[in-house]
Amino acid sequence: MTRFIPALSTLLAAAPALAAGFERPTPNAQSATAEFWFAMASLAFVAALIAVARLVARR
């Protein structure tokens, strides 16, 4: 009984500190500028892959 009261008081004191449930954020749509730069980066990445493939194939 001597451990019950401190345990109960600790539990009741910590009850307001419990975290709220996680709410998943909704993603925003991409802007036209972001889509343009993503396309440019994708083309640059493909060009780099082709360059590396040609460099490795020469050996």
N, C-alpha and C. Protein backbone atom coordinates (compact mmCIF):
# COMPACT_ATOMS: atom_id res chain seq x y z
N MET A 1 0.82 -1.19 0.00
CA MET A 1 0.00 0.00 0.00
C MET A 1 0.86 1.26 0.00
N THR A 2 2.05 1.15 0.58
CA THR A 2 2.90 2.33 0.64
C THR A 2 3.44 2.70 -0.74
N ARG A 3 3.55 1.74 -1.66
CA ARG A 3 4.01 2.05 -3.01
C ARG A 3 2.87 2.42 -3.94
N PHE A 4 1.66 2.12 -3.56
CA PHE A 4 0.51 2.38 -4.42
C PHE A 4 0.22 3.87 -4.54
N ILE A 5 0.26 4.59 -3.44
CA ILE A 5 -0.08 6.02 -3.45
C ILE A 5 0.94 6.82 -4.27
N PRO A 6 2.25 6.65 -4.10
CA PRO A 6 3.18 7.40 -4.96
C PRO A 6 3.05 7.01 -6.44
N ALA A 7 2.80 5.74 -6.71
CA ALA A 7 2.64 5.32 -8.10
C ALA A 7 1.39 5.94 -8.71
N LEU A 8 0.31 5.97 -7.95
CA LEU A 8 -0.93 6.58 -8.45
C LEU A 8 -0.77 8.07 -8.65
N SER A 9 -0.12 8.75 -7.72
CA SER A 9 0.07 10.19 -7.86
C SER A 9 0.99 10.51 -9.04
N THR A 10 2.00 9.68 -9.27
CA THR A 10 2.88 9.88 -10.42
C THR A 10 2.12 9.67 -11.73
N LEU A 11 1.28 8.66 -11.77
CA LEU A 11 0.49 8.39 -12.97
C LEU A 11 -0.49 9.53 -13.25
N LEU A 12 -1.13 10.04 -12.21
CA LEU A 12 -2.08 11.14 -12.40
C LEU A 12 -1.37 12.43 -12.78
N ALA A 13 -0.17 12.64 -12.26
CA ALA A 13 0.58 13.86 -12.60
C ALA A 13 1.08 13.80 -14.04
N ALA A 14 1.38 12.61 -14.54
CA ALA A 14 1.91 12.47 -15.89
C ALA A 14 0.81 12.39 -16.94
N ALA A 15 -0.43 12.24 -16.54
CA ALA A 15 -1.52 12.10 -17.50
C ALA A 15 -1.64 13.29 -18.45
N PRO A 16 -1.53 14.55 -17.99
CA PRO A 16 -1.61 15.65 -18.95
C PRO A 16 -0.43 15.71 -19.92
N ALA A 17 0.68 15.09 -19.57
CA ALA A 17 1.87 15.14 -20.42
C ALA A 17 1.85 14.10 -21.53
N LEU A 18 0.83 13.26 -21.60
CA LEU A 18 0.77 12.25 -22.65
C LEU A 18 0.61 12.92 -24.01
N ALA A 19 1.25 12.37 -24.99
CA ALA A 19 1.26 12.97 -26.32
C ALA A 19 -0.08 12.76 -27.02
N ALA A 20 -0.42 13.71 -27.85
CA ALA A 20 -1.63 13.59 -28.67
C ALA A 20 -1.34 12.67 -29.86
N GLY A 21 -2.38 12.20 -30.47
CA GLY A 21 -2.22 11.33 -31.62
C GLY A 21 -1.61 12.06 -32.80
N PHE A 22 -0.85 11.34 -33.62
CA PHE A 22 -0.19 11.94 -34.77
C PHE A 22 -1.19 12.12 -35.91
N GLU A 23 -1.23 13.32 -36.46
CA GLU A 23 -2.07 13.60 -37.61
C GLU A 23 -1.16 13.78 -38.82
N ARG A 24 -1.33 12.93 -39.79
CA ARG A 24 -0.46 12.95 -40.97
C ARG A 24 -0.73 14.22 -41.78
N PRO A 25 0.32 14.96 -42.16
CA PRO A 25 0.11 16.18 -42.95
C PRO A 25 -0.27 15.84 -44.39
N THR A 26 -1.08 16.68 -44.98
CA THR A 26 -1.46 16.47 -46.37
C THR A 26 -0.45 17.18 -47.26
N PRO A 27 0.10 16.50 -48.25
CA PRO A 27 1.12 17.13 -49.10
C PRO A 27 0.49 18.16 -50.04
N ASN A 28 1.25 19.20 -50.33
CA ASN A 28 0.79 20.22 -51.27
C ASN A 28 1.15 19.81 -52.69
N ALA A 29 0.45 20.38 -53.64
CA ALA A 29 0.73 20.10 -55.05
C ALA A 29 2.04 20.77 -55.44
N GLN A 30 2.72 20.19 -56.43
CA GLN A 30 3.97 20.77 -56.91
C GLN A 30 3.67 21.96 -57.82
N SER A 31 4.52 22.96 -57.75
CA SER A 31 4.36 24.11 -58.64
C SER A 31 5.00 23.79 -60.00
N ALA A 32 4.68 24.61 -60.98
CA ALA A 32 5.23 24.39 -62.32
C ALA A 32 6.75 24.59 -62.31
N THR A 33 7.22 25.53 -61.50
CA THR A 33 8.67 25.76 -61.41
C THR A 33 9.38 24.55 -60.82
N ALA A 34 8.79 23.96 -59.79
CA ALA A 34 9.40 22.78 -59.18
C ALA A 34 9.41 21.61 -60.16
N GLU A 35 8.36 21.46 -60.93
CA GLU A 35 8.32 20.38 -61.92
C GLU A 35 9.36 20.59 -63.01
N PHE A 36 9.55 21.85 -63.41
CA PHE A 36 10.56 22.16 -64.43
C PHE A 36 11.96 21.79 -63.93
N TRP A 37 12.30 22.21 -62.72
CA TRP A 37 13.64 21.93 -62.20
C TRP A 37 13.83 20.45 -61.91
N PHE A 38 12.77 19.76 -61.55
CA PHE A 38 12.88 18.31 -61.37
C PHE A 38 13.17 17.64 -62.71
N ALA A 39 12.52 18.10 -63.77
CA ALA A 39 12.77 17.55 -65.11
C ALA A 39 14.20 17.82 -65.54
N MET A 40 14.70 19.03 -65.27
CA MET A 40 16.08 19.37 -65.63
C MET A 40 17.07 18.49 -64.86
N ALA A 41 16.82 18.30 -63.58
CA ALA A 41 17.71 17.46 -62.77
C ALA A 41 17.66 16.01 -63.24
N SER A 42 16.48 15.54 -63.64
CA SER A 42 16.36 14.17 -64.14
C SER A 42 17.14 13.99 -65.44
N LEU A 43 17.05 14.97 -66.32
CA LEU A 43 17.81 14.89 -67.57
C LEU A 43 19.32 14.94 -67.31
N ALA A 44 19.74 15.78 -66.38
CA ALA A 44 21.17 15.85 -66.04
C ALA A 44 21.64 14.53 -65.44
N PHE A 45 20.80 13.90 -64.64
CA PHE A 45 21.16 12.62 -64.03
C PHE A 45 21.29 11.54 -65.10
N VAL A 46 20.37 11.50 -66.03
CA VAL A 46 20.43 10.51 -67.12
C VAL A 46 21.67 10.76 -67.97
N ALA A 47 21.98 12.03 -68.25
CA ALA A 47 23.18 12.35 -69.03
C ALA A 47 24.44 11.89 -68.30
N ALA A 48 24.48 12.08 -66.99
CA ALA A 48 25.64 11.63 -66.21
C ALA A 48 25.75 10.11 -66.23
N LEU A 49 24.63 9.42 -66.15
CA LEU A 49 24.66 7.95 -66.22
C LEU A 49 25.17 7.47 -67.57
N ILE A 50 24.75 8.12 -68.63
CA ILE A 50 25.21 7.75 -69.97
C ILE A 50 26.71 8.01 -70.10
N ALA A 51 27.18 9.14 -69.58
CA ALA A 51 28.60 9.47 -69.64
C ALA A 51 29.43 8.44 -68.88
N VAL A 52 28.97 8.05 -67.72
CA VAL A 52 29.70 7.05 -66.93
C VAL A 52 29.68 5.70 -67.63
N ALA A 53 28.55 5.33 -68.22
CA ALA A 53 28.47 4.05 -68.93
C ALA A 53 29.43 4.02 -70.11
N ARG A 54 29.55 5.12 -70.85
CA ARG A 54 30.48 5.19 -71.98
C ARG A 54 31.92 5.15 -71.49
N LEU A 55 32.20 5.83 -70.38
CA LEU A 55 33.55 5.84 -69.84
C LEU A 55 33.97 4.45 -69.38
N VAL A 56 33.07 3.75 -68.74
CA VAL A 56 33.39 2.41 -68.24
C VAL A 56 33.49 1.42 -69.40
N ALA A 57 32.69 1.60 -70.44
CA ALA A 57 32.70 0.66 -71.57
C ALA A 57 34.00 0.75 -72.36
N ARG A 58 34.70 1.86 -72.31
CA ARG A 58 35.95 2.03 -73.06
C ARG A 58 37.08 1.22 -72.45
N ARG A 59 37.00 0.86 -71.22
CA ARG A 59 38.10 0.15 -70.56
C ARG A 59 38.14 -1.28 -70.93
